[in-house]
């Protein structure tokens, strides 16, 4: 469970969340000492989740955390298996990563969404130049 995964809800509120969570993941992976496949594919998983979260923003707020949950559950186990040589079966890692994502993105992300959505007109007001 990574608390930062709750931020994957941001694209449901503002399009600035898309590059924000992608670059945040990329920089975090680089500074955190991740291996190159994790830096590349972990960040791509976050970007995919962010793009689809943005696409679902007007459907239902409860769908917003689903794309990052699915993207990470499908991609991260392969990074763990082939990048970090974790000796567990990929389906098991998909389940465990997916459960962690449900808690991080689904539960914590929805708490964050509820808090931020009340003030999105103030916090995420588009600037007109």
N, C-alpha and C. Protein backbone atom coordinates (compact mmCIF):
# COMPACT_ATOMS: atom_id res chain seq x y z
N UNK A 1 0.86 -1.17 0.00
CA UNK A 1 0.00 0.00 0.00
C UNK A 1 0.91 1.23 0.00
N UNK A 2 0.75 2.03 -1.04
CA UNK A 2 1.52 3.26 -1.15
C UNK A 2 0.55 4.43 -1.06
N UNK A 3 0.73 5.27 -0.07
CA UNK A 3 -0.18 6.39 0.14
C UNK A 3 -0.18 7.34 -1.06
N UNK A 4 0.94 7.44 -1.75
CA UNK A 4 1.02 8.33 -2.91
C UNK A 4 0.08 7.89 -4.03
N UNK A 5 -0.31 6.62 -4.04
CA UNK A 5 -1.23 6.13 -5.07
C UNK A 5 -2.61 6.79 -4.97
N UNK A 6 -2.94 7.34 -3.82
CA UNK A 6 -4.21 8.06 -3.68
C UNK A 6 -4.26 9.25 -4.63
N UNK A 7 -3.10 9.79 -4.98
CA UNK A 7 -3.05 10.94 -5.88
C UNK A 7 -3.49 10.60 -7.30
N UNK A 8 -3.58 9.32 -7.63
CA UNK A 8 -4.02 8.93 -8.97
C UNK A 8 -5.46 9.35 -9.24
N UNK A 9 -6.14 9.82 -8.22
CA UNK A 9 -7.51 10.31 -8.37
C UNK A 9 -7.54 11.72 -8.98
N UNK A 10 -6.42 12.44 -8.93
CA UNK A 10 -6.38 13.83 -9.38
C UNK A 10 -6.87 14.06 -10.81
N UNK A 11 -6.58 13.18 -11.78
CA UNK A 11 -7.10 13.43 -13.13
C UNK A 11 -8.63 13.44 -13.22
N UNK A 12 -9.31 12.90 -12.22
CA UNK A 12 -10.78 12.97 -12.21
C UNK A 12 -11.25 14.38 -11.87
N UNK A 13 -10.36 15.20 -11.32
CA UNK A 13 -10.72 16.54 -10.90
C UNK A 13 -10.15 17.60 -11.84
N UNK A 14 -8.93 17.37 -12.32
CA UNK A 14 -8.27 18.35 -13.18
C UNK A 14 -7.36 17.65 -14.20
N UNK A 15 -7.32 18.15 -15.42
CA UNK A 15 -6.42 17.53 -16.41
C UNK A 15 -4.95 17.70 -16.04
N UNK A 16 -4.64 18.68 -15.19
CA UNK A 16 -3.26 18.85 -14.73
C UNK A 16 -2.79 17.65 -13.91
N UNK A 17 -3.73 16.85 -13.43
CA UNK A 17 -3.39 15.64 -12.70
C UNK A 17 -2.70 14.60 -13.55
N UNK A 18 -2.96 14.62 -14.85
CA UNK A 18 -2.36 13.61 -15.74
C UNK A 18 -0.84 13.74 -15.76
N UNK A 19 -0.29 14.89 -16.20
CA UNK A 19 1.18 14.99 -16.15
C UNK A 19 1.69 15.02 -14.72
N UNK A 20 0.87 15.51 -13.80
CA UNK A 20 1.31 15.59 -12.41
C UNK A 20 1.61 14.22 -11.82
N UNK A 21 0.68 13.29 -11.94
CA UNK A 21 0.93 11.96 -11.35
C UNK A 21 1.98 11.19 -12.16
N UNK A 22 2.01 11.39 -13.47
CA UNK A 22 3.02 10.72 -14.29
C UNK A 22 4.42 11.18 -13.90
N UNK A 23 4.63 12.50 -13.89
CA UNK A 23 5.95 13.03 -13.55
C UNK A 23 6.31 12.73 -12.10
N UNK A 24 5.33 12.78 -11.21
CA UNK A 24 5.58 12.44 -9.82
C UNK A 24 6.06 11.00 -9.67
N UNK A 25 5.43 10.10 -10.39
CA UNK A 25 5.83 8.69 -10.36
C UNK A 25 7.23 8.52 -10.95
N UNK A 26 7.45 9.16 -12.10
CA UNK A 26 8.75 9.07 -12.78
C UNK A 26 9.88 9.57 -11.87
N UNK A 27 9.70 10.76 -11.32
CA UNK A 27 10.74 11.34 -10.45
C UNK A 27 10.93 10.51 -9.19
N UNK A 28 9.83 10.04 -8.61
CA UNK A 28 9.91 9.21 -7.42
C UNK A 28 10.66 7.91 -7.69
N UNK A 29 10.40 7.29 -8.83
CA UNK A 29 11.09 6.06 -9.17
C UNK A 29 12.58 6.30 -9.41
N UNK A 30 12.91 7.40 -10.06
CA UNK A 30 14.32 7.72 -10.31
C UNK A 30 15.03 7.99 -9.00
N UNK A 31 14.48 8.89 -8.19
CA UNK A 31 15.12 9.27 -6.92
C UNK A 31 15.09 8.14 -5.90
N UNK A 32 14.11 7.27 -6.02
CA UNK A 32 13.98 6.15 -5.09
C UNK A 32 14.88 4.97 -5.42
N UNK A 33 15.63 5.07 -6.51
CA UNK A 33 16.56 4.01 -6.86
C UNK A 33 15.94 2.82 -7.56
N UNK A 34 14.83 3.01 -8.22
CA UNK A 34 14.19 1.91 -8.96
C UNK A 34 15.05 1.52 -10.15
N UNK A 35 14.88 0.29 -10.59
CA UNK A 35 15.59 -0.16 -11.79
C UNK A 35 14.92 0.44 -13.02
N UNK A 36 15.64 0.45 -14.14
CA UNK A 36 15.15 1.09 -15.36
C UNK A 36 13.79 0.57 -15.81
N UNK A 37 13.56 -0.76 -15.84
CA UNK A 37 12.21 -1.22 -16.24
C UNK A 37 11.10 -0.68 -15.34
N UNK A 38 11.38 -0.53 -14.06
CA UNK A 38 10.39 0.02 -13.14
C UNK A 38 10.17 1.50 -13.41
N UNK A 39 11.25 2.21 -13.66
CA UNK A 39 11.14 3.64 -13.97
C UNK A 39 10.28 3.83 -15.21
N UNK A 40 10.55 3.04 -16.24
CA UNK A 40 9.83 3.19 -17.51
C UNK A 40 8.40 2.66 -17.41
N UNK A 41 8.27 1.38 -17.10
CA UNK A 41 6.96 0.73 -17.17
C UNK A 41 6.06 1.06 -15.99
N UNK A 42 6.64 1.31 -14.82
CA UNK A 42 5.84 1.75 -13.68
C UNK A 42 5.23 3.12 -13.95
N UNK A 43 6.04 3.99 -14.55
CA UNK A 43 5.54 5.32 -14.89
C UNK A 43 4.50 5.27 -16.00
N UNK A 44 4.70 4.37 -16.95
CA UNK A 44 3.72 4.20 -18.03
C UNK A 44 2.39 3.67 -17.46
N UNK A 45 2.47 2.75 -16.50
CA UNK A 45 1.24 2.25 -15.86
C UNK A 45 0.48 3.39 -15.21
N UNK A 46 1.22 4.29 -14.55
CA UNK A 46 0.58 5.44 -13.92
C UNK A 46 -0.03 6.37 -14.96
N UNK A 47 0.67 6.58 -16.06
CA UNK A 47 0.16 7.43 -17.14
C UNK A 47 -1.11 6.84 -17.76
N UNK A 48 -1.10 5.54 -18.00
CA UNK A 48 -2.28 4.87 -18.55
C UNK A 48 -3.47 5.04 -17.60
N UNK A 49 -3.23 4.79 -16.32
CA UNK A 49 -4.29 4.96 -15.32
C UNK A 49 -4.81 6.38 -15.29
N UNK A 50 -3.91 7.36 -15.37
CA UNK A 50 -4.31 8.77 -15.32
C UNK A 50 -5.14 9.14 -16.55
N UNK A 51 -4.73 8.69 -17.71
CA UNK A 51 -5.47 9.02 -18.94
C UNK A 51 -6.89 8.46 -18.91
N UNK A 52 -7.02 7.23 -18.47
CA UNK A 52 -8.36 6.63 -18.42
C UNK A 52 -9.20 7.19 -17.27
N UNK A 53 -8.55 7.59 -16.19
CA UNK A 53 -9.28 8.25 -15.10
C UNK A 53 -9.89 9.55 -15.63
N UNK A 54 -9.12 10.30 -16.40
CA UNK A 54 -9.62 11.55 -17.00
C UNK A 54 -10.81 11.25 -17.92
N UNK A 55 -10.72 10.17 -18.70
CA UNK A 55 -11.80 9.82 -19.61
C UNK A 55 -13.08 9.45 -18.86
N UNK A 56 -12.94 8.90 -17.67
CA UNK A 56 -14.11 8.47 -16.90
C UNK A 56 -14.64 9.53 -15.93
N UNK A 57 -14.03 10.72 -15.91
CA UNK A 57 -14.34 11.73 -14.90
C UNK A 57 -15.81 12.11 -14.84
N UNK A 58 -16.54 12.06 -15.95
CA UNK A 58 -17.94 12.47 -15.96
C UNK A 58 -18.91 11.30 -15.86
N UNK A 59 -18.40 10.09 -15.81
CA UNK A 59 -19.28 8.90 -15.74
C UNK A 59 -19.79 8.69 -14.32
N UNK A 60 -18.87 8.41 -13.42
CA UNK A 60 -19.21 8.19 -12.02
C UNK A 60 -17.94 8.37 -11.22
N UNK A 61 -18.02 9.06 -10.11
CA UNK A 61 -16.82 9.27 -9.30
C UNK A 61 -16.26 7.94 -8.79
N UNK A 62 -17.10 6.94 -8.69
CA UNK A 62 -16.65 5.64 -8.19
C UNK A 62 -15.85 4.86 -9.23
N UNK A 63 -15.94 5.25 -10.50
CA UNK A 63 -15.13 4.62 -11.54
C UNK A 63 -13.73 5.22 -11.63
N UNK A 64 -13.53 6.40 -11.07
CA UNK A 64 -12.26 7.11 -11.19
C UNK A 64 -11.04 6.31 -10.73
N UNK A 65 -11.10 5.57 -9.63
CA UNK A 65 -9.90 4.83 -9.22
C UNK A 65 -9.68 3.51 -9.97
N UNK A 66 -10.65 3.10 -10.76
CA UNK A 66 -10.53 1.79 -11.43
C UNK A 66 -9.36 1.72 -12.43
N UNK A 67 -9.16 2.72 -13.30
CA UNK A 67 -8.05 2.60 -14.26
C UNK A 67 -6.66 2.43 -13.63
N UNK A 68 -6.29 3.21 -12.60
CA UNK A 68 -4.96 2.96 -12.02
C UNK A 68 -4.87 1.62 -11.30
N UNK A 69 -5.99 1.17 -10.74
CA UNK A 69 -5.98 -0.15 -10.10
C UNK A 69 -5.68 -1.22 -11.14
N UNK A 70 -6.40 -1.18 -12.26
CA UNK A 70 -6.21 -2.18 -13.30
C UNK A 70 -4.83 -2.07 -13.95
N UNK A 71 -4.41 -0.84 -14.29
CA UNK A 71 -3.11 -0.66 -14.95
C UNK A 71 -1.98 -1.19 -14.08
N UNK A 72 -2.00 -0.86 -12.81
CA UNK A 72 -0.93 -1.32 -11.92
C UNK A 72 -1.01 -2.82 -11.65
N UNK A 73 -2.22 -3.35 -11.49
CA UNK A 73 -2.37 -4.78 -11.24
C UNK A 73 -1.90 -5.61 -12.43
N UNK A 74 -2.02 -5.06 -13.64
CA UNK A 74 -1.59 -5.80 -14.83
C UNK A 74 -0.10 -5.61 -15.16
N UNK A 75 0.45 -4.46 -14.89
CA UNK A 75 1.83 -4.16 -15.31
C UNK A 75 2.86 -4.40 -14.22
N UNK A 76 2.60 -3.97 -13.00
CA UNK A 76 3.59 -4.06 -11.93
C UNK A 76 4.06 -5.49 -11.64
N UNK A 77 3.20 -6.50 -11.66
CA UNK A 77 3.70 -7.86 -11.40
C UNK A 77 4.79 -8.31 -12.38
N UNK A 78 4.70 -7.87 -13.62
CA UNK A 78 5.74 -8.24 -14.59
C UNK A 78 7.06 -7.54 -14.27
N UNK A 79 6.97 -6.31 -13.77
CA UNK A 79 8.18 -5.59 -13.33
C UNK A 79 8.79 -6.32 -12.14
N UNK A 80 7.94 -6.74 -11.21
CA UNK A 80 8.43 -7.45 -10.04
C UNK A 80 9.08 -8.79 -10.42
N UNK A 81 8.43 -9.50 -11.30
CA UNK A 81 8.91 -10.84 -11.69
C UNK A 81 10.20 -10.77 -12.51
N UNK A 82 10.19 -9.95 -13.55
CA UNK A 82 11.32 -9.96 -14.48
C UNK A 82 12.36 -8.87 -14.21
N UNK A 83 11.99 -7.84 -13.49
CA UNK A 83 12.94 -6.79 -13.16
C UNK A 83 13.61 -7.02 -11.82
N UNK A 84 12.81 -7.38 -10.83
CA UNK A 84 13.33 -7.57 -9.47
C UNK A 84 13.46 -9.04 -9.08
N UNK A 85 13.12 -9.94 -9.99
CA UNK A 85 13.24 -11.39 -9.78
C UNK A 85 12.49 -11.87 -8.54
N UNK A 86 11.29 -11.33 -8.32
CA UNK A 86 10.46 -11.80 -7.21
C UNK A 86 9.94 -13.19 -7.58
N UNK A 87 10.21 -14.19 -6.73
CA UNK A 87 9.89 -15.58 -7.10
C UNK A 87 8.45 -16.01 -6.80
N UNK A 88 7.51 -15.16 -7.10
CA UNK A 88 6.11 -15.49 -6.88
C UNK A 88 5.40 -15.57 -8.22
N UNK A 89 4.34 -16.34 -8.32
CA UNK A 89 3.59 -16.42 -9.58
C UNK A 89 2.94 -15.08 -9.93
N UNK A 90 2.94 -14.76 -11.20
CA UNK A 90 2.37 -13.49 -11.66
C UNK A 90 0.90 -13.34 -11.26
N UNK A 91 0.06 -14.37 -11.41
CA UNK A 91 -1.35 -14.19 -10.98
C UNK A 91 -1.47 -13.83 -9.49
N UNK A 92 -0.64 -14.42 -8.65
CA UNK A 92 -0.67 -14.08 -7.23
C UNK A 92 -0.27 -12.62 -7.01
N UNK A 93 0.78 -12.18 -7.73
CA UNK A 93 1.22 -10.79 -7.60
C UNK A 93 0.18 -9.83 -8.16
N UNK A 94 -0.53 -10.23 -9.21
CA UNK A 94 -1.62 -9.40 -9.73
C UNK A 94 -2.69 -9.21 -8.66
N UNK A 95 -2.98 -10.27 -7.95
CA UNK A 95 -3.98 -10.21 -6.88
C UNK A 95 -3.50 -9.30 -5.75
N UNK A 96 -2.26 -9.49 -5.29
CA UNK A 96 -1.78 -8.71 -4.16
C UNK A 96 -1.55 -7.25 -4.52
N UNK A 97 -0.99 -7.00 -5.70
CA UNK A 97 -0.81 -5.61 -6.14
C UNK A 97 -2.19 -4.97 -6.32
N UNK A 98 -3.11 -5.71 -6.92
CA UNK A 98 -4.46 -5.20 -7.12
C UNK A 98 -5.15 -4.85 -5.80
N UNK A 99 -5.00 -5.71 -4.79
CA UNK A 99 -5.60 -5.42 -3.48
C UNK A 99 -4.98 -4.18 -2.84
N UNK A 100 -3.67 -4.04 -2.96
CA UNK A 100 -3.00 -2.85 -2.46
C UNK A 100 -3.49 -1.60 -3.17
N UNK A 101 -3.70 -1.71 -4.46
CA UNK A 101 -4.20 -0.59 -5.25
C UNK A 101 -5.65 -0.24 -4.89
N UNK A 102 -6.44 -1.25 -4.60
CA UNK A 102 -7.83 -1.00 -4.17
C UNK A 102 -7.83 -0.16 -2.89
N UNK A 103 -6.93 -0.50 -1.96
CA UNK A 103 -6.85 0.27 -0.72
C UNK A 103 -6.30 1.67 -1.01
N UNK A 104 -5.19 1.74 -1.76
CA UNK A 104 -4.53 3.03 -2.01
C UNK A 104 -5.35 3.94 -2.91
N UNK A 105 -5.73 3.43 -4.08
CA UNK A 105 -6.47 4.25 -5.06
C UNK A 105 -7.95 4.31 -4.73
N UNK A 106 -8.52 3.15 -4.40
CA UNK A 106 -9.95 3.08 -4.19
C UNK A 106 -10.38 3.75 -2.89
N UNK A 107 -9.83 3.31 -1.78
CA UNK A 107 -10.27 3.83 -0.48
C UNK A 107 -9.66 5.20 -0.21
N UNK A 108 -8.32 5.26 -0.18
CA UNK A 108 -7.66 6.54 0.13
C UNK A 108 -7.89 7.56 -0.97
N UNK A 109 -7.90 7.11 -2.22
CA UNK A 109 -8.14 8.01 -3.34
C UNK A 109 -9.53 8.62 -3.30
N UNK A 110 -10.52 7.83 -2.92
CA UNK A 110 -11.88 8.37 -2.83
C UNK A 110 -12.04 9.33 -1.66
N UNK A 111 -11.30 9.09 -0.58
CA UNK A 111 -11.31 10.05 0.53
C UNK A 111 -10.72 11.37 0.06
N UNK A 112 -9.61 11.29 -0.66
CA UNK A 112 -8.98 12.50 -1.20
C UNK A 112 -9.90 13.18 -2.20
N UNK A 113 -10.54 12.40 -3.07
CA UNK A 113 -11.48 12.96 -4.06
C UNK A 113 -12.60 13.73 -3.36
N UNK A 114 -13.17 13.13 -2.34
CA UNK A 114 -14.26 13.77 -1.60
C UNK A 114 -13.80 15.10 -1.00
N UNK A 115 -12.61 15.11 -0.43
CA UNK A 115 -12.08 16.33 0.18
C UNK A 115 -11.79 17.40 -0.87
N UNK A 116 -11.16 17.03 -1.98
CA UNK A 116 -10.76 18.00 -3.00
C UNK A 116 -11.91 18.45 -3.89
N UNK A 117 -12.83 17.57 -4.17
CA UNK A 117 -13.91 17.90 -5.11
C UNK A 117 -14.79 19.03 -4.58
N UNK A 118 -14.90 19.15 -3.27
CA UNK A 118 -15.69 20.23 -2.68
C UNK A 118 -15.11 21.60 -3.05
N UNK A 119 -13.80 21.65 -3.25
CA UNK A 119 -13.11 22.92 -3.49
C UNK A 119 -12.45 23.00 -4.86
N UNK A 120 -12.86 22.12 -5.78
CA UNK A 120 -12.16 22.09 -7.07
C UNK A 120 -12.28 23.40 -7.85
N UNK A 121 -13.37 24.12 -7.69
CA UNK A 121 -13.52 25.41 -8.35
C UNK A 121 -12.55 26.46 -7.84
N UNK A 122 -12.10 26.28 -6.62
CA UNK A 122 -11.15 27.22 -6.02
C UNK A 122 -9.72 26.73 -6.24
N UNK A 123 -9.49 25.45 -5.94
CA UNK A 123 -8.15 24.90 -6.02
C UNK A 123 -7.66 24.72 -7.47
N UNK A 124 -8.56 24.35 -8.35
CA UNK A 124 -8.18 23.99 -9.70
C UNK A 124 -8.83 24.91 -10.72
N UNK A 125 -8.97 26.17 -10.37
CA UNK A 125 -9.60 27.14 -11.25
C UNK A 125 -8.70 27.36 -12.47
N UNK A 126 -9.25 27.21 -13.67
CA UNK A 126 -8.42 27.45 -14.86
C UNK A 126 -8.02 28.92 -14.95
N UNK A 127 -6.78 29.14 -15.26
CA UNK A 127 -6.33 30.53 -15.41
C UNK A 127 -6.55 30.99 -16.85
N UNK A 128 -7.03 32.18 -17.00
CA UNK A 128 -7.27 32.75 -18.32
C UNK A 128 -6.31 33.91 -18.50
N UNK A 129 -5.48 33.80 -19.52
CA UNK A 129 -4.50 34.86 -19.77
C UNK A 129 -4.92 35.72 -20.92
